[in-house]
Amino acid sequence: MDGEQVVIFEEWYRSNYGTVLAALVVFCGGDGVRAEDSTNDAFVEAFEEWPRVSQMESSVGWVVRVAINSAKRHSRRRKRRIELLNSQRIKEATTDHQTDVDVLAAIAALPVRQRTAIVLRYVEDLSQVEVAKHMDIAVGTASATLVQARDNVRSTLDESESQ
């Protein structure tokens, strides 16, 4: 993008940021932090796509839609994090005295590849196909890596229980 386009984007950004943020605050039920994060994500994407976005009939509407989608992704990720911490499979592998901190420590102790797969699958809520694509590995390899990671977490929790 040339300098002139950057100036045009900056003016457009300044004149529309408040409108988009206000819409997102309403969408996010008053959660200003989530609204601001999502709005910023959307404007970054608009900047990256500016030649296309600048030609749209409703570029502001497009940014609002992108920001709403970003807010939904943030909500799904948060929900997935909570589900991971409260997951029945993890709880079955733990005893009453073990805490979520133990589970997180066991995940943190995983090899990088396994930890990455676990985070992508259970925190970022990606499918196994998406995990494989993101990690640039075969789907079968991603599946096996996730199985190994879950087994290692269970093993680590079992070891800490027996100590």
N, C-alpha and C. Protein backbone atom coordinates (compact mmCIF):
# COMPACT_ATOMS: atom_id res chain seq x y z
N MET A 1 0.86 -1.17 0.00
CA MET A 1 0.00 0.00 0.00
C MET A 1 0.91 1.23 0.00
N ASP A 2 0.60 2.19 -0.86
CA ASP A 2 1.44 3.39 -0.94
C ASP A 2 1.05 4.38 0.16
N GLY A 3 1.87 5.41 0.31
CA GLY A 3 1.68 6.40 1.38
C GLY A 3 0.33 7.07 1.34
N GLU A 4 -0.15 7.37 0.14
CA GLU A 4 -1.45 8.02 0.01
C GLU A 4 -2.57 7.13 0.54
N GLN A 5 -2.50 5.84 0.24
CA GLN A 5 -3.50 4.89 0.71
C GLN A 5 -3.46 4.76 2.24
N VAL A 6 -2.26 4.82 2.80
CA VAL A 6 -2.12 4.75 4.26
C VAL A 6 -2.80 5.96 4.89
N VAL A 7 -2.60 7.13 4.33
CA VAL A 7 -3.23 8.35 4.86
C VAL A 7 -4.75 8.24 4.76
N ILE A 8 -5.25 7.73 3.63
CA ILE A 8 -6.70 7.56 3.46
C ILE A 8 -7.23 6.58 4.50
N PHE A 9 -6.50 5.46 4.70
CA PHE A 9 -6.93 4.49 5.70
C PHE A 9 -6.96 5.12 7.09
N GLU A 10 -5.91 5.86 7.44
CA GLU A 10 -5.85 6.48 8.77
C GLU A 10 -7.03 7.41 9.01
N GLU A 11 -7.39 8.19 8.01
CA GLU A 11 -8.55 9.09 8.15
C GLU A 11 -9.84 8.28 8.33
N TRP A 12 -10.00 7.25 7.51
CA TRP A 12 -11.17 6.40 7.60
C TRP A 12 -11.23 5.72 8.96
N TYR A 13 -10.10 5.23 9.43
CA TYR A 13 -9.99 4.57 10.74
C TYR A 13 -10.42 5.53 11.85
N ARG A 14 -9.85 6.75 11.85
CA ARG A 14 -10.17 7.73 12.90
C ARG A 14 -11.65 8.09 12.91
N SER A 15 -12.23 8.20 11.73
CA SER A 15 -13.63 8.62 11.68
C SER A 15 -14.62 7.49 11.99
N ASN A 16 -14.17 6.24 11.95
CA ASN A 16 -15.09 5.12 12.14
C ASN A 16 -14.81 4.25 13.37
N TYR A 17 -13.67 4.44 14.00
CA TYR A 17 -13.31 3.58 15.13
C TYR A 17 -14.35 3.64 16.24
N GLY A 18 -14.76 4.83 16.62
CA GLY A 18 -15.73 4.99 17.71
C GLY A 18 -17.06 4.30 17.42
N THR A 19 -17.51 4.39 16.19
CA THR A 19 -18.77 3.75 15.80
C THR A 19 -18.68 2.24 15.93
N VAL A 20 -17.58 1.68 15.42
CA VAL A 20 -17.40 0.23 15.47
C VAL A 20 -17.26 -0.22 16.93
N LEU A 21 -16.47 0.50 17.70
CA LEU A 21 -16.28 0.14 19.11
C LEU A 21 -17.60 0.18 19.87
N ALA A 22 -18.40 1.21 19.62
CA ALA A 22 -19.70 1.31 20.31
C ALA A 22 -20.59 0.11 19.97
N ALA A 23 -20.60 -0.28 18.71
CA ALA A 23 -21.39 -1.44 18.30
C ALA A 23 -20.90 -2.70 19.00
N LEU A 24 -19.60 -2.82 19.14
CA LEU A 24 -19.03 -4.02 19.78
C LEU A 24 -19.25 -4.03 21.28
N VAL A 25 -19.23 -2.86 21.91
CA VAL A 25 -19.52 -2.80 23.35
C VAL A 25 -20.93 -3.33 23.59
N VAL A 26 -21.86 -2.93 22.75
CA VAL A 26 -23.24 -3.42 22.86
C VAL A 26 -23.26 -4.93 22.61
N PHE A 27 -22.61 -5.38 21.54
CA PHE A 27 -22.60 -6.80 21.21
C PHE A 27 -21.99 -7.63 22.34
N CYS A 28 -20.94 -7.11 22.96
CA CYS A 28 -20.22 -7.83 24.02
C CYS A 28 -20.85 -7.64 25.39
N GLY A 29 -22.04 -7.07 25.43
CA GLY A 29 -22.74 -6.92 26.70
C GLY A 29 -22.04 -6.00 27.68
N GLY A 30 -21.36 -4.99 27.15
CA GLY A 30 -20.68 -4.02 28.01
C GLY A 30 -19.25 -4.39 28.35
N ASP A 31 -18.76 -5.52 27.86
CA ASP A 31 -17.37 -5.93 28.10
C ASP A 31 -16.45 -5.10 27.20
N GLY A 32 -16.00 -3.97 27.73
CA GLY A 32 -15.20 -3.03 26.95
C GLY A 32 -13.87 -3.59 26.49
N VAL A 33 -13.26 -4.44 27.29
CA VAL A 33 -11.96 -5.01 26.92
C VAL A 33 -12.12 -5.93 25.73
N ARG A 34 -13.10 -6.84 25.80
CA ARG A 34 -13.34 -7.75 24.67
C ARG A 34 -13.75 -6.97 23.43
N ALA A 35 -14.57 -5.94 23.61
CA ALA A 35 -15.02 -5.12 22.49
C ALA A 35 -13.84 -4.41 21.84
N GLU A 36 -12.96 -3.85 22.66
CA GLU A 36 -11.80 -3.14 22.12
C GLU A 36 -10.84 -4.10 21.41
N ASP A 37 -10.59 -5.25 22.01
CA ASP A 37 -9.73 -6.24 21.36
C ASP A 37 -10.28 -6.66 20.00
N SER A 38 -11.58 -6.92 19.97
CA SER A 38 -12.21 -7.37 18.73
C SER A 38 -12.23 -6.26 17.68
N THR A 39 -12.48 -5.05 18.12
CA THR A 39 -12.46 -3.90 17.21
C THR A 39 -11.07 -3.71 16.62
N ASN A 40 -10.06 -3.80 17.46
CA ASN A 40 -8.69 -3.66 16.98
C ASN A 40 -8.34 -4.76 15.99
N ASP A 41 -8.74 -6.00 16.30
CA ASP A 41 -8.50 -7.11 15.37
C ASP A 41 -9.11 -6.80 14.01
N ALA A 42 -10.33 -6.28 14.03
CA ALA A 42 -11.04 -6.01 12.77
C ALA A 42 -10.36 -4.91 11.97
N PHE A 43 -9.90 -3.87 12.65
CA PHE A 43 -9.23 -2.79 11.92
C PHE A 43 -7.87 -3.22 11.39
N VAL A 44 -7.20 -4.11 12.09
CA VAL A 44 -5.94 -4.66 11.56
C VAL A 44 -6.23 -5.42 10.27
N GLU A 45 -7.28 -6.24 10.31
CA GLU A 45 -7.65 -6.99 9.11
C GLU A 45 -8.07 -6.03 7.98
N ALA A 46 -8.77 -4.97 8.33
CA ALA A 46 -9.17 -3.98 7.32
C ALA A 46 -7.93 -3.34 6.69
N PHE A 47 -6.95 -3.03 7.51
CA PHE A 47 -5.72 -2.44 6.98
C PHE A 47 -5.03 -3.40 6.02
N GLU A 48 -4.97 -4.67 6.43
CA GLU A 48 -4.31 -5.67 5.58
C GLU A 48 -5.05 -5.88 4.26
N GLU A 49 -6.37 -5.68 4.29
CA GLU A 49 -7.21 -5.88 3.11
C GLU A 49 -7.68 -4.55 2.51
N TRP A 50 -7.01 -3.46 2.85
CA TRP A 50 -7.51 -2.14 2.50
C TRP A 50 -7.84 -1.94 1.02
N PRO A 51 -7.03 -2.39 0.08
CA PRO A 51 -7.43 -2.18 -1.32
C PRO A 51 -8.81 -2.76 -1.63
N ARG A 52 -9.14 -3.89 -1.07
CA ARG A 52 -10.45 -4.52 -1.28
C ARG A 52 -11.51 -3.84 -0.43
N VAL A 53 -11.19 -3.60 0.85
CA VAL A 53 -12.17 -3.02 1.78
C VAL A 53 -12.56 -1.62 1.35
N SER A 54 -11.61 -0.84 0.86
CA SER A 54 -11.89 0.55 0.48
C SER A 54 -12.88 0.63 -0.67
N GLN A 55 -13.03 -0.45 -1.42
CA GLN A 55 -13.95 -0.46 -2.55
C GLN A 55 -15.36 -0.95 -2.18
N MET A 56 -15.52 -1.39 -0.95
CA MET A 56 -16.81 -1.92 -0.53
C MET A 56 -17.83 -0.81 -0.34
N GLU A 57 -19.08 -1.15 -0.62
CA GLU A 57 -20.15 -0.19 -0.43
C GLU A 57 -20.32 0.15 1.05
N SER A 58 -20.16 -0.86 1.91
CA SER A 58 -20.29 -0.64 3.35
C SER A 58 -19.06 -1.18 4.06
N SER A 59 -17.97 -0.44 3.94
CA SER A 59 -16.73 -0.89 4.56
C SER A 59 -16.84 -0.91 6.08
N VAL A 60 -17.58 0.02 6.64
CA VAL A 60 -17.76 0.03 8.10
C VAL A 60 -18.59 -1.18 8.53
N GLY A 61 -19.60 -1.50 7.78
CA GLY A 61 -20.39 -2.70 8.08
C GLY A 61 -19.53 -3.95 8.04
N TRP A 62 -18.63 -4.00 7.06
CA TRP A 62 -17.71 -5.13 6.96
C TRP A 62 -16.83 -5.22 8.21
N VAL A 63 -16.32 -4.08 8.67
CA VAL A 63 -15.46 -4.08 9.86
C VAL A 63 -16.26 -4.50 11.09
N VAL A 64 -17.48 -4.05 11.21
CA VAL A 64 -18.32 -4.46 12.34
C VAL A 64 -18.51 -5.97 12.30
N ARG A 65 -18.80 -6.54 11.13
CA ARG A 65 -19.00 -7.98 11.00
C ARG A 65 -17.72 -8.72 11.39
N VAL A 66 -16.57 -8.25 10.93
CA VAL A 66 -15.30 -8.89 11.28
C VAL A 66 -15.05 -8.79 12.79
N ALA A 67 -15.37 -7.65 13.38
CA ALA A 67 -15.18 -7.46 14.82
C ALA A 67 -16.12 -8.39 15.61
N ILE A 68 -17.35 -8.52 15.17
CA ILE A 68 -18.29 -9.44 15.83
C ILE A 68 -17.78 -10.87 15.74
N ASN A 69 -17.30 -11.26 14.57
CA ASN A 69 -16.74 -12.61 14.42
C ASN A 69 -15.55 -12.81 15.34
N SER A 70 -14.72 -11.79 15.48
CA SER A 70 -13.57 -11.86 16.38
C SER A 70 -14.05 -12.03 17.83
N ALA A 71 -15.07 -11.27 18.21
CA ALA A 71 -15.60 -11.38 19.57
C ALA A 71 -16.17 -12.78 19.82
N LYS A 72 -16.84 -13.34 18.82
CA LYS A 72 -17.37 -14.70 18.96
C LYS A 72 -16.23 -15.71 19.12
N ARG A 73 -15.16 -15.53 18.35
CA ARG A 73 -14.00 -16.44 18.48
C ARG A 73 -13.41 -16.34 19.89
N HIS A 74 -13.28 -15.10 20.39
CA HIS A 74 -12.76 -14.92 21.75
C HIS A 74 -13.65 -15.64 22.77
N SER A 75 -14.96 -15.54 22.59
CA SER A 75 -15.90 -16.20 23.50
C SER A 75 -15.77 -17.72 23.42
N ARG A 76 -15.68 -18.24 22.20
CA ARG A 76 -15.53 -19.69 22.04
C ARG A 76 -14.24 -20.18 22.68
N ARG A 77 -13.16 -19.42 22.48
CA ARG A 77 -11.88 -19.81 23.08
C ARG A 77 -11.96 -19.80 24.60
N ARG A 78 -12.58 -18.77 25.15
CA ARG A 78 -12.72 -18.69 26.61
C ARG A 78 -13.56 -19.86 27.11
N LYS A 79 -14.65 -20.12 26.42
CA LYS A 79 -15.51 -21.23 26.80
C LYS A 79 -14.75 -22.55 26.72
N ARG A 80 -13.96 -22.71 25.67
CA ARG A 80 -13.19 -23.94 25.50
C ARG A 80 -12.13 -24.08 26.61
N ARG A 81 -11.51 -22.99 27.00
CA ARG A 81 -10.54 -23.03 28.11
C ARG A 81 -11.21 -23.51 29.39
N ILE A 82 -12.39 -22.97 29.65
CA ILE A 82 -13.13 -23.37 30.84
C ILE A 82 -13.51 -24.85 30.75
N GLU A 83 -13.97 -25.27 29.57
CA GLU A 83 -14.32 -26.67 29.38
C GLU A 83 -13.11 -27.57 29.58
N LEU A 84 -11.95 -27.14 29.10
CA LEU A 84 -10.75 -27.94 29.27
C LEU A 84 -10.43 -28.12 30.75
N LEU A 85 -10.50 -27.03 31.49
CA LEU A 85 -10.19 -27.11 32.92
C LEU A 85 -11.21 -27.94 33.68
N ASN A 86 -12.43 -27.95 33.18
CA ASN A 86 -13.49 -28.69 33.86
C ASN A 86 -13.85 -29.99 33.17
N SER A 87 -13.07 -30.37 32.18
CA SER A 87 -13.42 -31.54 31.37
C SER A 87 -13.50 -32.80 32.20
N GLN A 88 -14.49 -33.58 31.90
CA GLN A 88 -14.70 -34.83 32.63
C GLN A 88 -13.52 -35.77 32.45
N ARG A 89 -12.95 -35.81 31.24
CA ARG A 89 -11.81 -36.70 31.00
C ARG A 89 -10.64 -36.33 31.89
N ILE A 90 -10.37 -35.05 32.04
CA ILE A 90 -9.26 -34.61 32.89
C ILE A 90 -9.61 -34.92 34.35
N LYS A 91 -10.83 -34.66 34.75
CA LYS A 91 -11.22 -34.91 36.14
C LYS A 91 -11.14 -36.39 36.47
N GLU A 92 -11.48 -37.26 35.51
CA GLU A 92 -11.38 -38.69 35.76
C GLU A 92 -9.93 -39.11 35.98
N ALA A 93 -8.99 -38.37 35.38
CA ALA A 93 -7.58 -38.70 35.50
C ALA A 93 -6.96 -38.07 36.75
N THR A 94 -7.73 -37.28 37.46
CA THR A 94 -7.18 -36.61 38.64
C THR A 94 -7.89 -37.11 39.89
N THR A 95 -7.29 -36.86 41.01
CA THR A 95 -7.96 -37.19 42.28
C THR A 95 -8.52 -35.91 42.86
N ASP A 96 -9.25 -36.07 43.92
CA ASP A 96 -9.90 -34.91 44.53
C ASP A 96 -8.91 -33.85 44.97
N HIS A 97 -7.71 -34.24 45.38
CA HIS A 97 -6.77 -33.24 45.90
C HIS A 97 -6.00 -32.52 44.80
N GLN A 98 -6.08 -33.01 43.59
CA GLN A 98 -5.38 -32.32 42.49
C GLN A 98 -6.23 -31.15 42.02
N THR A 99 -5.56 -30.12 41.60
CA THR A 99 -6.27 -28.93 41.18
C THR A 99 -6.06 -28.68 39.70
N ASP A 100 -6.77 -27.68 39.20
CA ASP A 100 -6.57 -27.27 37.82
C ASP A 100 -5.13 -26.85 37.57
N VAL A 101 -4.48 -26.36 38.61
CA VAL A 101 -3.08 -25.97 38.48
C VAL A 101 -2.22 -27.17 38.12
N ASP A 102 -2.53 -28.33 38.71
CA ASP A 102 -1.80 -29.56 38.38
C ASP A 102 -1.97 -29.91 36.91
N VAL A 103 -3.19 -29.76 36.41
CA VAL A 103 -3.46 -30.07 35.01
C VAL A 103 -2.67 -29.12 34.11
N LEU A 104 -2.71 -27.84 34.43
CA LEU A 104 -1.98 -26.86 33.62
C LEU A 104 -0.48 -27.11 33.68
N ALA A 105 0.02 -27.50 34.84
CA ALA A 105 1.45 -27.81 34.97
C ALA A 105 1.80 -29.03 34.13
N ALA A 106 0.93 -30.02 34.13
CA ALA A 106 1.18 -31.22 33.31
C ALA A 106 1.19 -30.86 31.83
N ILE A 107 0.31 -29.99 31.41
CA ILE A 107 0.29 -29.56 30.01
C ILE A 107 1.55 -28.75 29.70
N ALA A 108 1.94 -27.89 30.61
CA ALA A 108 3.15 -27.08 30.40
C ALA A 108 4.40 -27.94 30.29
N ALA A 109 4.39 -29.11 30.93
CA ALA A 109 5.56 -30.00 30.91
C ALA A 109 5.65 -30.84 29.64
N LEU A 110 4.62 -30.80 28.81
CA LEU A 110 4.63 -31.59 27.58
C LEU A 110 5.71 -31.09 26.62
N PRO A 111 6.20 -31.97 25.76
CA PRO A 111 7.09 -31.51 24.69
C PRO A 111 6.35 -30.45 23.84
N VAL A 112 7.10 -29.59 23.22
CA VAL A 112 6.52 -28.46 22.48
C VAL A 112 5.46 -28.90 21.48
N ARG A 113 5.75 -29.93 20.71
CA ARG A 113 4.81 -30.38 19.68
C ARG A 113 3.49 -30.83 20.31
N GLN A 114 3.55 -31.59 21.38
CA GLN A 114 2.33 -32.05 22.03
C GLN A 114 1.58 -30.90 22.68
N ARG A 115 2.32 -30.01 23.33
CA ARG A 115 1.70 -28.85 23.97
C ARG A 115 1.00 -27.98 22.93
N THR A 116 1.66 -27.78 21.79
CA THR A 116 1.07 -26.99 20.71
C THR A 116 -0.22 -27.61 20.23
N ALA A 117 -0.20 -28.92 20.02
CA ALA A 117 -1.40 -29.62 19.55
C ALA A 117 -2.54 -29.49 20.56
N ILE A 118 -2.24 -29.66 21.85
CA ILE A 118 -3.26 -29.55 22.90
C ILE A 118 -3.86 -28.14 22.92
N VAL A 119 -3.03 -27.13 22.86
CA VAL A 119 -3.52 -25.75 22.89
C VAL A 119 -4.38 -25.46 21.67
N LEU A 120 -3.91 -25.87 20.49
CA LEU A 120 -4.69 -25.61 19.28
C LEU A 120 -6.04 -26.33 19.32
N ARG A 121 -6.03 -27.56 19.79
CA ARG A 121 -7.26 -28.36 19.78
C ARG A 121 -8.23 -27.94 20.89
N TYR A 122 -7.73 -27.80 22.11
CA TYR A 122 -8.64 -27.62 23.24
C TYR A 122 -8.76 -26.19 23.73
N VAL A 123 -7.81 -25.35 23.43
CA VAL A 123 -7.91 -23.95 23.84
C VAL A 123 -8.41 -23.11 22.67
N GLU A 124 -7.79 -23.29 21.51
CA GLU A 124 -8.21 -22.52 20.34
C GLU A 124 -9.42 -23.14 19.65
N ASP A 125 -9.82 -24.34 20.07
CA ASP A 125 -11.01 -25.02 19.58
C ASP A 125 -10.94 -25.34 18.08
N LEU A 126 -9.75 -25.71 17.61
CA LEU A 126 -9.59 -26.10 16.22
C LEU A 126 -9.89 -27.59 16.06
N SER A 127 -10.35 -27.97 14.88
CA SER A 127 -10.56 -29.39 14.60
C SER A 127 -9.20 -30.05 14.42
N GLN A 128 -9.17 -31.39 14.39
CA GLN A 128 -7.90 -32.08 14.16
C GLN A 128 -7.34 -31.73 12.79
N VAL A 129 -8.19 -31.55 11.81
CA VAL A 129 -7.73 -31.16 10.47
C VAL A 129 -7.07 -29.78 10.52
N GLU A 130 -7.69 -28.84 11.25
CA GLU A 130 -7.12 -27.50 11.38
C GLU A 130 -5.82 -27.52 12.18
N VAL A 131 -5.76 -28.37 13.21
CA VAL A 131 -4.53 -28.51 13.98
C VAL A 131 -3.41 -28.98 13.06
N ALA A 132 -3.71 -30.00 12.27
CA ALA A 132 -2.71 -30.54 11.34
C ALA A 132 -2.25 -29.47 10.35
N LYS A 133 -3.19 -28.74 9.82
CA LYS A 133 -2.85 -27.70 8.86
C LYS A 133 -1.99 -26.62 9.51
N HIS A 134 -2.38 -26.20 10.70
CA HIS A 134 -1.64 -25.15 11.41
C HIS A 134 -0.22 -25.60 11.76
N MET A 135 -0.09 -26.87 12.13
CA MET A 135 1.23 -27.39 12.52
C MET A 135 2.02 -27.92 11.33
N ASP A 136 1.38 -27.92 10.15
CA ASP A 136 2.02 -28.40 8.92
C ASP A 136 2.43 -29.87 9.06
N ILE A 137 1.48 -30.68 9.56
CA ILE A 137 1.69 -32.12 9.69
C ILE A 137 0.46 -32.83 9.14
N ALA A 138 0.57 -34.14 8.93
CA ALA A 138 -0.56 -34.93 8.45
C ALA A 138 -1.64 -35.02 9.54
N VAL A 139 -2.88 -35.21 9.12
CA VAL A 139 -3.99 -35.31 10.07
C VAL A 139 -3.76 -36.49 11.02
N GLY A 140 -3.30 -37.61 10.51
CA GLY A 140 -3.02 -38.77 11.35
C GLY A 140 -1.95 -38.47 12.38
N THR A 141 -0.96 -37.70 11.99
CA THR A 141 0.11 -37.31 12.92
C THR A 141 -0.45 -36.40 14.00
N ALA A 142 -1.32 -35.49 13.61
CA ALA A 142 -1.95 -34.60 14.60
C ALA A 142 -2.78 -35.41 15.58
N SER A 143 -3.53 -36.36 15.08
CA SER A 143 -4.35 -37.21 15.93
C SER A 143 -3.49 -38.00 16.91
N ALA A 144 -2.41 -38.60 16.40
CA ALA A 144 -1.51 -39.37 17.26
C ALA A 144 -0.84 -38.47 18.29
N THR A 145 -0.47 -37.27 17.88
CA THR A 145 0.17 -36.32 18.80
C THR A 145 -0.78 -35.95 19.93
N LEU A 146 -2.05 -35.74 19.60
CA LEU A 146 -3.04 -35.42 20.62
C LEU A 146 -3.25 -36.58 21.59
N VAL A 147 -3.29 -37.80 21.07
CA VAL A 147 -3.44 -38.98 21.93
C VAL A 147 -2.24 -39.07 22.87
N GLN A 148 -1.04 -38.91 22.33
CA GLN A 148 0.18 -38.97 23.16
C GLN A 148 0.15 -37.87 24.23
N ALA A 149 -0.26 -36.69 23.83
CA ALA A 149 -0.29 -35.57 24.78
C ALA A 149 -1.26 -35.86 25.92
N ARG A 150 -2.47 -36.32 25.58
CA ARG A 150 -3.45 -36.64 26.63
C ARG A 150 -2.94 -37.76 27.53
N ASP A 151 -2.31 -38.79 26.93
CA ASP A 151 -1.74 -39.88 27.73
C ASP A 151 -0.65 -39.36 28.66
N ASN A 152 0.19 -38.46 28.15
CA ASN A 152 1.26 -37.90 28.98
C ASN A 152 0.71 -37.06 30.12
N VAL A 153 -0.35 -36.31 29.86
CA VAL A 153 -0.97 -35.52 30.93
C VAL A 153 -1.52 -36.46 31.99
N ARG A 154 -2.23 -37.49 31.57
CA ARG A 154 -2.78 -38.46 32.54
C ARG A 154 -1.66 -39.12 33.34
N SER A 155 -0.61 -39.50 32.65
CA SER A 155 0.53 -40.15 33.31
C SER A 155 1.17 -39.22 34.35
N THR A 156 1.36 -37.96 33.95
CA THR A 156 1.95 -36.99 34.88
C THR A 156 1.06 -36.80 36.09
N LEU A 157 -0.23 -36.74 35.89
CA LEU A 157 -1.16 -36.57 37.01
C LEU A 157 -1.18 -37.81 37.90
N ASP A 158 -1.12 -39.00 37.28
CA ASP A 158 -1.06 -40.25 38.06
C ASP A 158 0.22 -40.30 38.90
N GLU A 159 1.34 -39.89 38.31
CA GLU A 159 2.62 -39.89 39.04
C GLU A 159 2.56 -38.95 40.23
N SER A 160 2.01 -37.76 40.01
CA SER A 160 1.95 -36.79 41.11
C SER A 160 1.00 -37.27 42.21
N GLU A 161 0.00 -38.06 41.84
CA GLU A 161 -0.93 -38.62 42.82
C GLU A 161 -0.25 -39.67 43.69
N SER A 162 0.64 -40.44 43.09
CA SER A 162 1.29 -41.52 43.84
C SER A 162 2.43 -41.03 44.72
N GLN A 163 2.79 -39.77 44.59
CA GLN A 163 3.91 -39.24 45.38
C GLN A 163 3.45 -38.67 46.69
